Every structure is written in C-alpha cells, then in structure tokens.
Amino acid sequence: DPGRIRVEICHSAAQALKLAEETTFSCVIADYHMPGGDGTGLLASLTEKQPDCAGILISGVVTMESLVTALDLAHIEAFIPKPWTE
C-alpha cells in the first residue's frame, strides 16, 4: 500500500535482529544504551543485513569516540541527543 508507514518496536537488539530476518526496514532508530547490546552494534549488524536501511542513533550519554565508531561501523545517517526536543 503506497504511502503507508509501518512502525515496529523492539525491546532488545536480539529482537530487532530477529525481526530483520523477516522484515525489510527503511529506517531504524536505536538508543545507544539498550538491553543486550548497544545501538551502535545493532545498527552495524542491521547495515550488514540491510545496507539500504538508514540508521539513526539516539543517546543522552554517548561519547565523541562512541559517535565516531557509530559513524564508521554503522554508517548512521543522524545522531539525536536525548532528551529529544523539537
């Protein structure tokens, strides 16, 4: 259905990776701190599975080193600091 947006919410990196086996994503938003891993690792793994998927990392505690790693490994499209404000 053109113009339709589907949103999936996962509560862990493992759950998101499992869902990626059966679903194609256009964009994934991941928090740097998450149960069972971190957002950078999740986005890097998803990039391998779905290279056309855009990745956005959010965090309130990410360091510059972590952000550079996210850019290198996960090829993130954007970083949003928390709290997320307009």
C-alpha atoms as a PDB file:
ATOM      1  CA  ASP A   1       0.000   0.000   0.000  1.00  0.00           C
ATOM      2  CA  PRO A   2       1.801   3.182  -1.196  1.00  0.00           C
ATOM      3  CA  GLY A   3       2.271   5.904   1.395  1.00  0.00           C
ATOM      4  CA  ARG A   4       1.733   3.523   4.285  1.00  0.00           C
ATOM      5  CA  ILE A   5       4.151   3.590   7.219  1.00  0.00           C
ATOM      6  CA  ARG A   6       4.658   0.589   9.451  1.00  0.00           C
ATOM      7  CA  VAL A   7       6.327   1.007  12.835  1.00  0.00           C
ATOM      8  CA  GLU A   8       7.840  -1.893  14.794  1.00  0.00           C
ATOM      9  CA  ILE A   9       9.010  -1.516  18.399  1.00  0.00           C
ATOM     10  CA  CYS A  10      11.612  -3.948  19.723  1.00  0.00           C
ATOM     11  CA  HIS A  11      12.689  -4.176  23.332  1.00  0.00           C
ATOM     12  CA  SER A  12      16.166  -5.600  22.670  1.00  0.00           C
ATOM     13  CA  ALA A  13      18.833  -5.752  19.995  1.00  0.00           C
ATOM     14  CA  ALA A  14      18.261  -9.508  19.624  1.00  0.00           C
ATOM     15  CA  GLN A  15      14.562  -8.984  18.985  1.00  0.00           C
ATOM     16  CA  ALA A  16      15.308  -6.324  16.342  1.00  0.00           C
ATOM     17  CA  LEU A  17      17.850  -8.560  14.578  1.00  0.00           C
ATOM     18  CA  LYS A  18      15.384 -11.443  14.535  1.00  0.00           C
ATOM     19  CA  LEU A  19      12.703  -9.175  13.061  1.00  0.00           C
ATOM     20  CA  ALA A  20      15.192  -8.018  10.402  1.00  0.00           C
ATOM     21  CA  GLU A  21      15.341 -11.602   9.120  1.00  0.00           C
ATOM     22  CA  GLU A  22      11.690 -11.395   8.027  1.00  0.00           C
ATOM     23  CA  THR A  23      11.075  -7.652   7.558  1.00  0.00           C
ATOM     24  CA  THR A  24      12.781  -5.043   5.387  1.00  0.00           C
ATOM     25  CA  PHE A  25      13.325  -1.728   7.144  1.00  0.00           C
ATOM     26  CA  SER A  26      13.642   1.725   5.579  1.00  0.00           C
ATOM     27  CA  CYS A  27      14.930   3.293   8.789  1.00  0.00           C
ATOM     28  CA  VAL A  28      15.910   2.101  12.260  1.00  0.00           C
ATOM     29  CA  ILE A  29      16.141   4.358  15.301  1.00  0.00           C
ATOM     30  CA  ALA A  30      18.210   2.860  18.118  1.00  0.00           C
ATOM     31  CA  ASP A  31      19.234   4.100  21.542  1.00  0.00           C
ATOM     32  CA  TYR A  32      22.924   3.798  22.365  1.00  0.00           C
ATOM     33  CA  HIS A  33      22.042   2.005  25.635  1.00  0.00           C
ATOM     34  CA  MET A  34      19.719  -0.944  25.174  1.00  0.00           C
ATOM     35  CA  PRO A  35      19.139  -4.370  26.751  1.00  0.00           C
ATOM     36  CA  GLY A  36      21.541  -6.981  25.424  1.00  0.00           C
ATOM     37  CA  GLY A  37      23.817  -4.656  23.498  1.00  0.00           C
ATOM     38  CA  ASP A  38      24.191  -1.122  22.266  1.00  0.00           C
ATOM     39  CA  GLY A  39      22.648   0.834  19.437  1.00  0.00           C
ATOM     40  CA  THR A  40      25.915   1.052  17.511  1.00  0.00           C
ATOM     41  CA  GLY A  41      26.288  -2.730  17.395  1.00  0.00           C
ATOM     42  CA  LEU A  42      22.646  -3.155  16.426  1.00  0.00           C
ATOM     43  CA  LEU A  43      22.862  -0.602  13.615  1.00  0.00           C
ATOM     44  CA  ALA A  44      26.139  -2.122  12.349  1.00  0.00           C
ATOM     45  CA  SER A  45      24.547  -5.599  12.243  1.00  0.00           C
ATOM     46  CA  LEU A  46      21.464  -4.246  10.501  1.00  0.00           C
ATOM     47  CA  THR A  47      23.644  -2.429   7.952  1.00  0.00           C
ATOM     48  CA  GLU A  48      25.199  -5.786   7.021  1.00  0.00           C
ATOM     49  CA  LYS A  49      21.756  -7.391   6.604  1.00  0.00           C
ATOM     50  CA  GLN A  50      20.022  -4.412   5.011  1.00  0.00           C
ATOM     51  CA  PRO A  51      22.539  -1.955   3.524  1.00  0.00           C
ATOM     52  CA  ASP A  52      19.823   0.393   2.207  1.00  0.00           C
ATOM     53  CA  CYS A  53      18.323   0.881   5.675  1.00  0.00           C
ATOM     54  CA  ALA A  54      19.002   4.306   7.243  1.00  0.00           C
ATOM     55  CA  GLY A  55      20.209   4.261  10.849  1.00  0.00           C
ATOM     56  CA  ILE A  56      19.592   6.916  13.473  1.00  0.00           C
ATOM     57  CA  LEU A  57      21.310   6.739  16.869  1.00  0.00           C
ATOM     58  CA  ILE A  58      19.881   8.484  19.928  1.00  0.00           C
ATOM     59  CA  SER A  59      21.604   8.851  23.290  1.00  0.00           C
ATOM     60  CA  GLY A  60      21.990  11.036  26.314  1.00  0.00           C
ATOM     61  CA  VAL A  61      25.412   9.660  27.247  1.00  0.00           C
ATOM     62  CA  VAL A  62      27.325   8.866  24.065  1.00  0.00           C
ATOM     63  CA  THR A  63      30.966   9.985  23.936  1.00  0.00           C
ATOM     64  CA  MET A  64      32.645  11.503  20.893  1.00  0.00           C
ATOM     65  CA  GLU A  65      34.614   8.250  20.496  1.00  0.00           C
ATOM     66  CA  SER A  66      31.398   6.220  20.516  1.00  0.00           C
ATOM     67  CA  LEU A  67      29.831   8.559  17.990  1.00  0.00           C
ATOM     68  CA  VAL A  68      32.829   8.241  15.641  1.00  0.00           C
ATOM     69  CA  THR A  69      32.609   4.449  15.983  1.00  0.00           C
ATOM     70  CA  ALA A  70      28.904   4.603  15.135  1.00  0.00           C
ATOM     71  CA  LEU A  71      29.665   6.648  12.032  1.00  0.00           C
ATOM     72  CA  ASP A  72      32.426   4.224  10.976  1.00  0.00           C
ATOM     73  CA  LEU A  73      30.804   0.873  11.742  1.00  0.00           C
ATOM     74  CA  ALA A  74      27.095   1.513  11.468  1.00  0.00           C
ATOM     75  CA  HIS A  75      27.160   4.299   8.879  1.00  0.00           C
ATOM     76  CA  ILE A  76      24.482   6.149  10.833  1.00  0.00           C
ATOM     77  CA  GLU A  77      22.559   8.842   8.998  1.00  0.00           C
ATOM     78  CA  ALA A  78      21.919  11.000  12.065  1.00  0.00           C
ATOM     79  CA  PHE A  79      22.554  11.356  15.773  1.00  0.00           C
ATOM     80  CA  ILE A  80      19.895  12.795  18.083  1.00  0.00           C
ATOM     81  CA  PRO A  81      20.881  13.726  21.639  1.00  0.00           C
ATOM     82  CA  LYS A  82      18.489  12.911  24.476  1.00  0.00           C
ATOM     83  CA  PRO A  83      16.342  14.353  25.719  1.00  0.00           C
ATOM     84  CA  TRP A  84      14.899  14.674  22.236  1.00  0.00           C
ATOM     85  CA  THR A  85      13.460  18.169  21.878  1.00  0.00           C
ATOM     86  CA  GLU A  86      11.873  19.944  18.954  1.00  0.00           C
END
